[in-house]
Amino acid sequence: MIKFSNIFIDRNLFTCSGLGTIFTISSIPTWYATLVKPSFSPPNWLFGPVWTILYILMGISLALVVSKGVKSKKIREALMLFGVQLILNAIWSPIFFGAKALLLSLMVIVLMWILF
């Protein structure tokens, strides 16, 4: 059974996804549309549904892990890595879409890959 603490964690995931949305929505039809993208780049309308599903699945996954307890060292380490990934994920959209800092956003992605 999912506890109240898991719902609180899921709410934090929702907040992080909302932060990215603030910067993303206004930039997609303007700045992002002007970028030269590869042919395999997904259509702009796909971002919203994909990120929504991604954060919902992250919340469910986190709730399932936390429901097993946090006494195990492996679980605590996994939760710490999850938290770092979540923070990096949350700052990527403001860096890429808000600040339009392509190199810095690439560095954040590389860091996420390293921590994966």
PDB file of N, CA and C in Angstrom:
ATOM      1  N   MET A   1       0.850  -1.188   0.000  1.00  0.00           N
ATOM      2  CA  MET A   1       0.000   0.000   0.000  1.00  0.00           C
ATOM      3  C   MET A   1       0.885   1.238   0.000  1.00  0.00           C
ATOM      4  N   ILE A   2       0.504   2.230  -0.760  1.00  0.00           N
ATOM      5  CA  ILE A   2       1.275   3.465  -0.862  1.00  0.00           C
ATOM      6  C   ILE A   2       0.908   4.374   0.303  1.00  0.00           C
ATOM      7  N   LYS A   3       1.935   4.844   1.002  1.00  0.00           N
ATOM      8  CA  LYS A   3       1.741   5.669   2.180  1.00  0.00           C
ATOM      9  C   LYS A   3       1.673   7.147   1.815  1.00  0.00           C
ATOM     10  N   PHE A   4       1.284   7.955   2.812  1.00  0.00           N
ATOM     11  CA  PHE A   4       1.208   9.405   2.618  1.00  0.00           C
ATOM     12  C   PHE A   4       2.560   9.977   2.218  1.00  0.00           C
ATOM     13  N   SER A   5       3.653   9.461   2.799  1.00  0.00           N
ATOM     14  CA  SER A   5       4.984   9.977   2.470  1.00  0.00           C
ATOM     15  C   SER A   5       5.294   9.788   0.989  1.00  0.00           C
ATOM     16  N   ASN A   6       4.795   8.698   0.405  1.00  0.00           N
ATOM     17  CA  ASN A   6       5.005   8.476  -1.019  1.00  0.00           C
ATOM     18  C   ASN A   6       4.231   9.493  -1.859  1.00  0.00           C
ATOM     19  N   ILE A   7       3.051   9.840  -1.411  1.00  0.00           N
ATOM     20  CA  ILE A   7       2.277  10.865  -2.119  1.00  0.00           C
ATOM     21  C   ILE A   7       3.007  12.196  -2.036  1.00  0.00           C
ATOM     22  N   PHE A   8       3.608  12.498  -0.883  1.00  0.00           N
ATOM     23  CA  PHE A   8       4.388  13.728  -0.720  1.00  0.00           C
ATOM     24  C   PHE A   8       5.565  13.738  -1.690  1.00  0.00           C
ATOM     25  N   ILE A   9       6.249  12.602  -1.819  1.00  0.00           N
ATOM     26  CA  ILE A   9       7.373  12.489  -2.751  1.00  0.00           C
ATOM     27  C   ILE A   9       6.879  12.694  -4.178  1.00  0.00           C
ATOM     28  N   ASP A  10       5.769  12.071  -4.524  1.00  0.00           N
ATOM     29  CA  ASP A  10       5.213  12.225  -5.867  1.00  0.00           C
ATOM     30  C   ASP A  10       4.838  13.673  -6.143  1.00  0.00           C
ATOM     31  N   ARG A  11       4.363  14.373  -5.123  1.00  0.00           N
ATOM     32  CA  ARG A  11       4.042  15.798  -5.298  1.00  0.00           C
ATOM     33  C   ARG A  11       5.302  16.590  -5.617  1.00  0.00           C
ATOM     34  N   ASN A  12       6.423  16.229  -5.013  1.00  0.00           N
ATOM     35  CA  ASN A  12       7.680  16.902  -5.316  1.00  0.00           C
ATOM     36  C   ASN A  12       8.113  16.632  -6.750  1.00  0.00           C
ATOM     37  N   LEU A  13       7.877  15.425  -7.234  1.00  0.00           N
ATOM     38  CA  LEU A  13       8.163  15.120  -8.632  1.00  0.00           C
ATOM     39  C   LEU A  13       7.300  15.985  -9.545  1.00  0.00           C
ATOM     40  N   PHE A  14       6.039  16.132  -9.188  1.00  0.00           N
ATOM     41  CA  PHE A  14       5.127  16.956  -9.964  1.00  0.00           C
ATOM     42  C   PHE A  14       5.616  18.404  -9.990  1.00  0.00           C
ATOM     43  N   THR A  15       6.111  18.890  -8.851  1.00  0.00           N
ATOM     44  CA  THR A  15       6.638  20.252  -8.769  1.00  0.00           C
ATOM     45  C   THR A  15       7.842  20.416  -9.682  1.00  0.00           C
ATOM     46  N   CYS A  16       8.744  19.435  -9.680  1.00  0.00           N
ATOM     47  CA  CYS A  16       9.923  19.506 -10.551  1.00  0.00           C
ATOM     48  C   CYS A  16       9.523  19.512 -12.021  1.00  0.00           C
ATOM     49  N   SER A  17       8.548  18.690 -12.371  1.00  0.00           N
ATOM     50  CA  SER A  17       8.114  18.674 -13.770  1.00  0.00           C
ATOM     51  C   SER A  17       7.439  19.987 -14.140  1.00  0.00           C
ATOM     52  N   GLY A  18       6.714  20.578 -13.202  1.00  0.00           N
ATOM     53  CA  GLY A  18       6.066  21.868 -13.455  1.00  0.00           C
ATOM     54  C   GLY A  18       7.077  22.982 -13.653  1.00  0.00           C
ATOM     55  N   LEU A  19       8.185  22.921 -12.911  1.00  0.00           N
ATOM     56  CA  LEU A  19       9.240  23.919 -13.074  1.00  0.00           C
ATOM     57  C   LEU A  19       9.769  23.914 -14.499  1.00  0.00           C
ATOM     58  N   GLY A  20      10.007  22.717 -15.030  1.00  0.00           N
ATOM     59  CA  GLY A  20      10.483  22.621 -16.408  1.00  0.00           C
ATOM     60  C   GLY A  20       9.471  23.145 -17.405  1.00  0.00           C
ATOM     61  N   THR A  21       8.202  22.905 -17.132  1.00  0.00           N
ATOM     62  CA  THR A  21       7.137  23.346 -18.032  1.00  0.00           C
ATOM     63  C   THR A  21       7.109  24.861 -18.179  1.00  0.00           C
ATOM     64  N   ILE A  22       7.361  25.567 -17.090  1.00  0.00           N
ATOM     65  CA  ILE A  22       7.347  27.036 -17.120  1.00  0.00           C
ATOM     66  C   ILE A  22       8.298  27.572 -18.180  1.00  0.00           C
ATOM     67  N   PHE A  23       9.471  26.978 -18.257  1.00  0.00           N
ATOM     68  CA  PHE A  23      10.477  27.453 -19.202  1.00  0.00           C
ATOM     69  C   PHE A  23      10.292  26.870 -20.594  1.00  0.00           C
ATOM     70  N   THR A  24       9.726  25.681 -20.669  1.00  0.00           N
ATOM     71  CA  THR A  24       9.629  24.982 -21.941  1.00  0.00           C
ATOM     72  C   THR A  24       8.511  25.509 -22.829  1.00  0.00           C
ATOM     73  N   ILE A  25       7.333  25.697 -22.272  1.00  0.00           N
ATOM     74  CA  ILE A  25       6.152  26.031 -23.076  1.00  0.00           C
ATOM     75  C   ILE A  25       6.358  27.283 -23.925  1.00  0.00           C
ATOM     76  N   SER A  26       6.905  28.321 -23.342  1.00  0.00           N
ATOM     77  CA  SER A  26       7.062  29.561 -24.099  1.00  0.00           C
ATOM     78  C   SER A  26       8.192  29.481 -25.121  1.00  0.00           C
ATOM     79  N   SER A  27       9.163  28.612 -24.912  1.00  0.00           N
ATOM     80  CA  SER A  27      10.316  28.536 -25.817  1.00  0.00           C
ATOM     81  C   SER A  27      10.112  27.614 -27.010  1.00  0.00           C
ATOM     82  N   ILE A  28       9.229  26.632 -26.901  1.00  0.00           N
ATOM     83  CA  ILE A  28       9.066  25.675 -28.007  1.00  0.00           C
ATOM     84  C   ILE A  28       8.569  26.349 -29.280  1.00  0.00           C
ATOM     85  N   PRO A  29       7.512  27.163 -29.243  1.00  0.00           N
ATOM     86  CA  PRO A  29       7.060  27.762 -30.502  1.00  0.00           C
ATOM     87  C   PRO A  29       7.951  28.913 -30.988  1.00  0.00           C
ATOM     88  N   THR A  30       8.820  29.418 -30.147  1.00  0.00           N
ATOM     89  CA  THR A  30       9.647  30.557 -30.535  1.00  0.00           C
ATOM     90  C   THR A  30      11.094  30.122 -30.771  1.00  0.00           C
ATOM     91  N   TRP A  31      11.894  30.144 -29.743  1.00  0.00           N
ATOM     92  CA  TRP A  31      13.330  29.871 -29.864  1.00  0.00           C
ATOM     93  C   TRP A  31      13.614  28.449 -30.338  1.00  0.00           C
ATOM     94  N   TYR A  32      12.995  27.450 -29.721  1.00  0.00           N
ATOM     95  CA  TYR A  32      13.265  26.058 -30.070  1.00  0.00           C
ATOM     96  C   TYR A  32      12.900  25.766 -31.526  1.00  0.00           C
ATOM     97  N   ALA A  33      11.843  26.377 -32.006  1.00  0.00           N
ATOM     98  CA  ALA A  33      11.399  26.159 -33.389  1.00  0.00           C
ATOM     99  C   ALA A  33      12.437  26.645 -34.397  1.00  0.00           C
ATOM    100  N   THR A  34      13.276  27.581 -33.988  1.00  0.00           N
ATOM    101  CA  THR A  34      14.288  28.124 -34.912  1.00  0.00           C
ATOM    102  C   THR A  34      15.572  27.293 -34.958  1.00  0.00           C
ATOM    103  N   LEU A  35      15.739  26.359 -34.038  1.00  0.00           N
ATOM    104  CA  LEU A  35      16.953  25.546 -34.018  1.00  0.00           C
ATOM    105  C   LEU A  35      16.965  24.568 -35.190  1.00  0.00           C
ATOM    106  N   VAL A  36      18.153  24.320 -35.708  1.00  0.00           N
ATOM    107  CA  VAL A  36      18.312  23.301 -36.737  1.00  0.00           C
ATOM    108  C   VAL A  36      18.420  21.963 -36.009  1.00  0.00           C
ATOM    109  N   LYS A  37      17.441  21.100 -36.262  1.00  0.00           N
ATOM    110  CA  LYS A  37      17.371  19.821 -35.549  1.00  0.00           C
ATOM    111  C   LYS A  37      17.540  18.674 -36.547  1.00  0.00           C
ATOM    112  N   PRO A  38      18.007  17.523 -36.059  1.00  0.00           N
ATOM    113  CA  PRO A  38      18.148  16.371 -36.960  1.00  0.00           C
ATOM    114  C   PRO A  38      16.788  15.850 -37.411  1.00  0.00           C
ATOM    115  N   SER A  39      16.804  15.083 -38.457  1.00  0.00           N
ATOM    116  CA  SER A  39      15.554  14.563 -39.023  1.00  0.00           C
ATOM    117  C   SER A  39      14.799  13.663 -38.051  1.00  0.00           C
ATOM    118  N   PHE A  40      15.502  13.030 -37.119  1.00  0.00           N
ATOM    119  CA  PHE A  40      14.852  12.124 -36.175  1.00  0.00           C
ATOM    120  C   PHE A  40      14.324  12.843 -34.931  1.00  0.00           C
ATOM    121  N   SER A  41      14.405  14.153 -34.907  1.00  0.00           N
ATOM    122  CA  SER A  41      13.889  14.929 -33.782  1.00  0.00           C
ATOM    123  C   SER A  41      12.369  14.777 -33.710  1.00  0.00           C
ATOM    124  N   PRO A  42      11.835  14.508 -32.522  1.00  0.00           N
ATOM    125  CA  PRO A  42      10.381  14.323 -32.428  1.00  0.00           C
ATOM    126  C   PRO A  42       9.632  15.639 -32.655  1.00  0.00           C
ATOM    127  N   PRO A  43       8.366  15.556 -33.042  1.00  0.00           N
ATOM    128  CA  PRO A  43       7.587  16.778 -33.236  1.00  0.00           C
ATOM    129  C   PRO A  43       7.394  17.523 -31.911  1.00  0.00           C
ATOM    130  N   ASN A  44       7.273  18.834 -31.989  1.00  0.00           N
ATOM    131  CA  ASN A  44       7.166  19.674 -30.795  1.00  0.00           C
ATOM    132  C   ASN A  44       6.002  19.284 -29.885  1.00  0.00           C
ATOM    133  N   TRP A  45       4.868  18.887 -30.457  1.00  0.00           N
ATOM    134  CA  TRP A  45       3.682  18.573 -29.657  1.00  0.00           C
ATOM    135  C   TRP A  45       3.885  17.345 -28.782  1.00  0.00           C
ATOM    136  N   LEU A  46       4.911  16.547 -29.068  1.00  0.00           N
ATOM    137  CA  LEU A  46       5.140  15.315 -28.330  1.00  0.00           C
ATOM    138  C   LEU A  46       5.795  15.543 -26.965  1.00  0.00           C
ATOM    139  N   PHE A  47       6.427  16.694 -26.763  1.00  0.00           N
ATOM    140  CA  PHE A  47       7.136  16.963 -25.510  1.00  0.00           C
ATOM    141  C   PHE A  47       6.229  16.869 -24.289  1.00  0.00           C
ATOM    142  N   GLY A  48       5.102  17.519 -24.324  1.00  0.00           N
ATOM    143  CA  GLY A  48       4.190  17.532 -23.172  1.00  0.00           C
ATOM    144  C   GLY A  48       3.761  16.150 -22.736  1.00  0.00           C
ATOM    145  N   PRO A  49       3.181  15.353 -23.623  1.00  0.00           N
ATOM    146  CA  PRO A  49       2.743  14.015 -23.212  1.00  0.00           C
ATOM    147  C   PRO A  49       3.899  13.119 -22.737  1.00  0.00           C
ATOM    148  N   VAL A  50       5.034  13.175 -23.426  1.00  0.00           N
ATOM    149  CA  VAL A  50       6.155  12.313 -23.052  1.00  0.00           C
ATOM    150  C   VAL A  50       6.696  12.686 -21.677  1.00  0.00           C
ATOM    151  N   TRP A  51       6.898  13.972 -21.416  1.00  0.00           N
ATOM    152  CA  TRP A  51       7.422  14.387 -20.115  1.00  0.00           C
ATOM    153  C   TRP A  51       6.412  14.112 -19.004  1.00  0.00           C
ATOM    154  N   THR A  52       5.138  14.262 -19.303  1.00  0.00           N
ATOM    155  CA  THR A  52       4.111  13.950 -18.295  1.00  0.00           C
ATOM    156  C   THR A  52       4.156  12.474 -17.923  1.00  0.00           C
ATOM    157  N   ILE A  53       4.193  11.619 -18.934  1.00  0.00           N
ATOM    158  CA  ILE A  53       4.265  10.176 -18.683  1.00  0.00           C
ATOM    159  C   ILE A  53       5.558   9.828 -17.954  1.00  0.00           C
ATOM    160  N   LEU A  54       6.664  10.429 -18.366  1.00  0.00           N
ATOM    161  CA  LEU A  54       7.952  10.165 -17.731  1.00  0.00           C
ATOM    162  C   LEU A  54       7.916  10.472 -16.239  1.00  0.00           C
ATOM    163  N   TYR A  55       7.411  11.645 -15.875  1.00  0.00           N
ATOM    164  CA  TYR A  55       7.371  12.018 -14.459  1.00  0.00           C
ATOM    165  C   TYR A  55       6.364  11.184 -13.669  1.00  0.00           C
ATOM    166  N   ILE A  56       5.267  10.790 -14.281  1.00  0.00           N
ATOM    167  CA  ILE A  56       4.314   9.896 -13.603  1.00  0.00           C
ATOM    168  C   ILE A  56       4.981   8.555 -13.305  1.00  0.00           C
ATOM    169  N   LEU A  57       5.672   8.004 -14.283  1.00  0.00           N
ATOM    170  CA  LEU A  57       6.358   6.728 -14.078  1.00  0.00           C
ATOM    171  C   LEU A  57       7.483   6.848 -13.057  1.00  0.00           C
ATOM    172  N   MET A  58       8.187   7.985 -13.057  1.00  0.00           N
ATOM    173  CA  MET A  58       9.224   8.204 -12.044  1.00  0.00           C
ATOM    174  C   MET A  58       8.604   8.225 -10.651  1.00  0.00           C
ATOM    175  N   GLY A  59       7.462   8.871 -10.518  1.00  0.00           N
ATOM    176  CA  GLY A  59       6.781   8.930  -9.227  1.00  0.00           C
ATOM    177  C   GLY A  59       6.323   7.568  -8.749  1.00  0.00           C
ATOM    178  N   ILE A  60       5.765   6.785  -9.661  1.00  0.00           N
ATOM    179  CA  ILE A  60       5.329   5.433  -9.306  1.00  0.00           C
ATOM    180  C   ILE A  60       6.531   4.581  -8.896  1.00  0.00           C
ATOM    181  N   SER A  61       7.600   4.672  -9.666  1.00  0.00           N
ATOM    182  CA  SER A  61       8.807   3.901  -9.350  1.00  0.00           C
ATOM    183  C   SER A  61       9.358   4.284  -7.989  1.00  0.00           C
ATOM    184  N   LEU A  62       9.434   5.575  -7.730  1.00  0.00           N
ATOM    185  CA  LEU A  62       9.952   6.038  -6.448  1.00  0.00           C
ATOM    186  C   LEU A  62       9.062   5.567  -5.296  1.00  0.00           C
ATOM    187  N   ALA A  63       7.756   5.656  -5.475  1.00  0.00           N
ATOM    188  CA  ALA A  63       6.825   5.220  -4.430  1.00  0.00           C
ATOM    189  C   ALA A  63       6.986   3.729  -4.146  1.00  0.00           C
ATOM    190  N   LEU A  64       7.187   2.935  -5.182  1.00  0.00           N
ATOM    191  CA  LEU A  64       7.370   1.497  -4.990  1.00  0.00           C
ATOM    192  C   LEU A  64       8.659   1.194  -4.229  1.00  0.00           C
ATOM    193  N   VAL A  65       9.728   1.910  -4.554  1.00  0.00           N
ATOM    194  CA  VAL A  65      11.002   1.693  -3.857  1.00  0.00           C
ATOM    195  C   VAL A  65      10.889   2.119  -2.400  1.00  0.00           C
ATOM    196  N   VAL A  66      10.327   3.302  -2.156  1.00  0.00           N
ATOM    197  CA  VAL A  66      10.209   3.808  -0.789  1.00  0.00           C
ATOM    198  C   VAL A  66       9.291   2.915   0.037  1.00  0.00           C
ATOM    199  N   SER A  67       8.280   2.327  -0.575  1.00  0.00           N
ATOM    200  CA  SER A  67       7.356   1.471   0.174  1.00  0.00           C
ATOM    201  C   SER A  67       8.048   0.210   0.697  1.00  0.00           C
ATOM    202  N   LYS A  68       9.184  -0.139   0.126  1.00  0.00           N
ATOM    203  CA  LYS A  68       9.949  -1.294   0.602  1.00  0.00           C
ATOM    204  C   LYS A  68      10.766  -0.955   1.839  1.00  0.00           C
ATOM    205  N   GLY A  69      10.844   0.331   2.171  1.00  0.00           N
ATOM    206  CA  GLY A  69      11.622   0.756   3.336  1.00  0.00           C
ATOM    207  C   GLY A  69      12.959   1.328   2.906  1.00  0.00           C
ATOM    208  N   VAL A  70      13.546   2.094   3.787  1.00  0.00           N
ATOM    209  CA  VAL A  70      14.815   2.751   3.460  1.00  0.00           C
ATOM    210  C   VAL A  70      15.935   2.305   4.394  1.00  0.00           C
ATOM    211  N   LYS A  71      15.780   1.155   4.997  1.00  0.00           N
ATOM    212  CA  LYS A  71      16.791   0.670   5.932  1.00  0.00           C
ATOM    213  C   LYS A  71      18.005   0.086   5.212  1.00  0.00           C
ATOM    214  N   SER A  72      17.802  -0.435   4.038  1.00  0.00           N
ATOM    215  CA  SER A  72      18.895  -1.027   3.282  1.00  0.00           C
ATOM    216  C   SER A  72      19.807   0.060   2.722  1.00  0.00           C
ATOM    217  N   LYS A  73      21.106  -0.189   2.822  1.00  0.00           N
ATOM    218  CA  LYS A  73      22.081   0.768   2.290  1.00  0.00           C
ATOM    219  C   LYS A  73      21.919   0.931   0.779  1.00  0.00           C
ATOM    220  N   LYS A  74      21.642  -0.159   0.077  1.00  0.00           N
ATOM    221  CA  LYS A  74      21.462  -0.099  -1.378  1.00  0.00           C
ATOM    222  C   LYS A  74      20.262   0.777  -1.744  1.00  0.00           C
ATOM    223  N   ILE A  75      19.183   0.660  -0.996  1.00  0.00           N
ATOM    224  CA  ILE A  75      17.997   1.467  -1.275  1.00  0.00           C
ATOM    225  C   ILE A  75      18.297   2.942  -1.010  1.00  0.00           C
ATOM    226  N   ARG A  76      18.987   3.240   0.083  1.00  0.00           N
ATOM    227  CA  ARG A  76      19.343   4.642   0.380  1.00  0.00           C
ATOM    228  C   ARG A  76      20.257   5.216  -0.703  1.00  0.00           C
ATOM    229  N   GLU A  77      21.203   4.419  -1.175  1.00  0.00           N
ATOM    230  CA  GLU A  77      22.085   4.879  -2.254  1.00  0.00           C
ATOM    231  C   GLU A  77      21.284   5.125  -3.534  1.00  0.00           C
ATOM    232  N   ALA A  78      20.375   4.222  -3.832  1.00  0.00           N
ATOM    233  CA  ALA A  78      19.537   4.383  -5.025  1.00  0.00           C
ATOM    234  C   ALA A  78      18.677   5.640  -4.913  1.00  0.00           C
ATOM    235  N   LEU A  79      18.128   5.888  -3.729  1.00  0.00           N
ATOM    236  CA  LEU A  79      17.311   7.088  -3.524  1.00  0.00           C
ATOM    237  C   LEU A  79      18.147   8.359  -3.653  1.00  0.00           C
ATOM    238  N   MET A  80      19.392   8.306  -3.181  1.00  0.00           N
ATOM    239  CA  MET A  80      20.266   9.468  -3.313  1.00  0.00           C
ATOM    240  C   MET A  80      20.559   9.746  -4.794  1.00  0.00           C
ATOM    241  N   LEU A  81      20.875   8.704  -5.554  1.00  0.00           N
ATOM    242  CA  LEU A  81      21.113   8.881  -6.988  1.00  0.00           C
ATOM    243  C   LEU A  81      19.856   9.368  -7.700  1.00  0.00           C
ATOM    244  N   PHE A  82      18.711   8.845  -7.287  1.00  0.00           N
ATOM    245  CA  PHE A  82      17.439   9.288  -7.865  1.00  0.00           C
ATOM    246  C   PHE A  82      17.255  10.783  -7.607  1.00  0.00           C
ATOM    247  N   GLY A  83      17.537  11.214  -6.367  1.00  0.00           N
ATOM    248  CA  GLY A  83      17.400  12.633  -6.020  1.00  0.00           C
ATOM    249  C   GLY A  83      18.323  13.520  -6.833  1.00  0.00           C
ATOM    250  N   VAL A  84      19.565  13.084  -7.019  1.00  0.00           N
ATOM    251  CA  VAL A  84      20.518  13.859  -7.829  1.00  0.00           C
ATOM    252  C   VAL A  84      20.030  13.931  -9.274  1.00  0.00           C
ATOM    253  N   GLN A  85      19.571  12.788  -9.812  1.00  0.00           N
ATOM    254  CA  GLN A  85      19.039  12.768 -11.176  1.00  0.00           C
ATOM    255  C   GLN A  85      17.820  13.692 -11.305  1.00  0.00           C
ATOM    256  N   LEU A  86      16.974  13.686 -10.293  1.00  0.00           N
ATOM    257  CA  LEU A  86      15.787  14.528 -10.314  1.00  0.00           C
ATOM    258  C   LEU A  86      16.169  16.007 -10.324  1.00  0.00           C
ATOM    259  N   ILE A  87      17.140  16.370  -9.514  1.00  0.00           N
ATOM    260  CA  ILE A  87      17.604  17.763  -9.482  1.00  0.00           C
ATOM    261  C   ILE A  87      18.197  18.152 -10.829  1.00  0.00           C
ATOM    262  N   LEU A  88      19.041  17.293 -11.390  1.00  0.00           N
ATOM    263  CA  LEU A  88      19.630  17.583 -12.700  1.00  0.00           C
ATOM    264  C   LEU A  88      18.546  17.690 -13.768  1.00  0.00           C
ATOM    265  N   ASN A  89      17.563  16.798 -13.691  1.00  0.00           N
ATOM    266  CA  ASN A  89      16.443  16.829 -14.632  1.00  0.00           C
ATOM    267  C   ASN A  89      15.655  18.126 -14.490  1.00  0.00           C
ATOM    268  N   ALA A  90      15.467  18.556 -13.240  1.00  0.00           N
ATOM    269  CA  ALA A  90      14.682  19.775 -12.984  1.00  0.00           C
ATOM    270  C   ALA A  90      15.410  21.026 -13.456  1.00  0.00           C
ATOM    271  N   ILE A  91      16.745  21.045 -13.378  1.00  0.00           N
ATOM    272  CA  ILE A  91      17.461  22.256 -13.804  1.00  0.00           C
ATOM    273  C   ILE A  91      17.753  22.274 -15.298  1.00  0.00           C
ATOM    274  N   TRP A  92      17.613  21.124 -15.962  1.00  0.00           N
ATOM    275  CA  TRP A  92      17.945  21.089 -17.387  1.00  0.00           C
ATOM    276  C   TRP A  92      17.035  22.004 -18.216  1.00  0.00           C
ATOM    277  N   SER A  93      15.737  21.929 -18.004  1.00  0.00           N
ATOM    278  CA  SER A  93      14.808  22.743 -18.804  1.00  0.00           C
ATOM    279  C   SER A  93      15.051  24.248 -18.636  1.00  0.00           C
ATOM    280  N   PRO A  94      15.210  24.751 -17.397  1.00  0.00           N
ATOM    281  CA  PRO A  94      15.522  26.181 -17.269  1.00  0.00           C
ATOM    282  C   PRO A  94      16.850  26.562 -17.941  1.00  0.00           C
ATOM    283  N   ILE A  95      17.819  25.645 -17.900  1.00  0.00           N
ATOM    284  CA  ILE A  95      19.108  25.944 -18.544  1.00  0.00           C
ATOM    285  C   ILE A  95      18.963  25.934 -20.060  1.00  0.00           C
ATOM    286  N   PHE A  96      18.320  24.900 -20.602  1.00  0.00           N
ATOM    287  CA  PHE A  96      18.209  24.769 -22.054  1.00  0.00           C
ATOM    288  C   PHE A  96      17.180  25.736 -22.637  1.00  0.00           C
ATOM    289  N   PHE A  97      15.954  25.672 -22.135  1.00  0.00           N
ATOM    290  CA  PHE A  97      14.880  26.484 -22.706  1.00  0.00           C
ATOM    291  C   PHE A  97      14.846  27.907 -22.153  1.00  0.00           C
ATOM    292  N   GLY A  98      15.178  28.080 -20.875  1.00  0.00           N
ATOM    293  CA  GLY A  98      15.129  29.407 -20.260  1.00  0.00           C
ATOM    294  C   GLY A  98      16.349  30.247 -20.589  1.00  0.00           C
ATOM    295  N   ALA A  99      17.540  29.725 -20.236  1.00  0.00           N
ATOM    296  CA  ALA A  99      18.781  30.480 -20.462  1.00  0.00           C
ATOM    297  C   ALA A  99      19.307  30.291 -21.881  1.00  0.00           C
ATOM    298  N   LYS A 100      18.802  29.291 -22.581  1.00  0.00           N
ATOM    299  CA  LYS A 100      19.255  28.962 -23.936  1.00  0.00           C
ATOM    300  C   LYS A 100      20.761  28.707 -23.967  1.00  0.00           C
ATOM    301  N   ALA A 101      21.239  28.087 -22.898  1.00  0.00           N
ATOM    302  CA  ALA A 101      22.658  27.768 -22.745  1.00  0.00           C
ATOM    303  C   ALA A 101      22.886  26.337 -23.223  1.00  0.00           C
ATOM    304  N   LEU A 102      23.173  26.191 -24.496  1.00  0.00           N
ATOM    305  CA  LEU A 102      23.275  24.862 -25.094  1.00  0.00           C
ATOM    306  C   LEU A 102      24.438  24.055 -24.528  1.00  0.00           C
ATOM    307  N   LEU A 103      25.595  24.674 -24.363  1.00  0.00           N
ATOM    308  CA  LEU A 103      26.747  23.944 -23.849  1.00  0.00           C
ATOM    309  C   LEU A 103      26.522  23.498 -22.405  1.00  0.00           C
ATOM    310  N   LEU A 104      26.008  24.390 -21.583  1.00  0.00           N
ATOM    311  CA  LEU A 104      25.741  24.027 -20.185  1.00  0.00           C
ATOM    312  C   LEU A 104      24.675  22.938 -20.087  1.00  0.00           C
ATOM    313  N   SER A 105      23.647  23.013 -20.924  1.00  0.00           N
ATOM    314  CA  SER A 105      22.615  21.972 -20.895  1.00  0.00           C
ATOM    315  C   SER A 105      23.194  20.633 -21.357  1.00  0.00           C
ATOM    316  N   LEU A 106      24.123  20.666 -22.309  1.00  0.00           N
ATOM    317  CA  LEU A 106      24.794  19.434 -22.725  1.00  0.00           C
ATOM    318  C   LEU A 106      25.621  18.863 -21.568  1.00  0.00           C
ATOM    319  N   MET A 107      26.259  19.724 -20.818  1.00  0.00           N
ATOM    320  CA  MET A 107      27.052  19.271 -19.676  1.00  0.00           C
ATOM    321  C   MET A 107      26.156  18.606 -18.616  1.00  0.00           C
ATOM    322  N   VAL A 108      24.968  19.147 -18.417  1.00  0.00           N
ATOM    323  CA  VAL A 108      24.021  18.543 -17.467  1.00  0.00           C
ATOM    324  C   VAL A 108      23.610  17.154 -17.955  1.00  0.00           C
ATOM    325  N   ILE A 109      23.356  17.014 -19.248  1.00  0.00           N
ATOM    326  CA  ILE A 109      22.978  15.712 -19.806  1.00  0.00           C
ATOM    327  C   ILE A 109      24.120  14.711 -19.648  1.00  0.00           C
ATOM    328  N   VAL A 110      25.344  15.146 -19.933  1.00  0.00           N
ATOM    329  CA  VAL A 110      26.496  14.255 -19.775  1.00  0.00           C
ATOM    330  C   VAL A 110      26.623  13.819 -18.314  1.00  0.00           C
ATOM    331  N   LEU A 111      26.427  14.730 -17.398  1.00  0.00           N
ATOM    332  CA  LEU A 111      26.475  14.388 -15.971  1.00  0.00           C
ATOM    333  C   LEU A 111      25.393  13.371 -15.611  1.00  0.00           C
ATOM    334  N   MET A 112      24.193  13.531 -16.187  1.00  0.00           N
ATOM    335  CA  MET A 112      23.121  12.554 -15.933  1.00  0.00           C
ATOM    336  C   MET A 112      23.517  11.185 -16.471  1.00  0.00           C
ATOM    337  N   TRP A 113      24.152  11.157 -17.645  1.00  0.00           N
ATOM    338  CA  TRP A 113      24.598   9.878 -18.220  1.00  0.00           C
ATOM    339  C   TRP A 113      25.655   9.222 -17.328  1.00  0.00           C
ATOM    340  N   ILE A 114      26.577  10.022 -16.832  1.00  0.00           N
ATOM    341  CA  ILE A 114      27.639   9.498 -15.961  1.00  0.00           C
ATOM    342  C   ILE A 114      27.047   8.889 -14.703  1.00  0.00           C
ATOM    343  N   LEU A 115      26.066   9.557 -14.122  1.00  0.00           N
ATOM    344  CA  LEU A 115      25.452   9.081 -12.885  1.00  0.00           C
ATOM    345  C   LEU A 115      24.477   7.937 -13.104  1.00  0.00           C
ATOM    346  N   PHE A 116      24.126   7.677 -14.352  1.00  0.00           N
ATOM    347  CA  PHE A 116      23.171   6.625 -14.643  1.00  0.00           C
ATOM    348  C   PHE A 116      23.811   5.301 -14.335  1.00  0.00           C
TER     349      PHE A 116
END
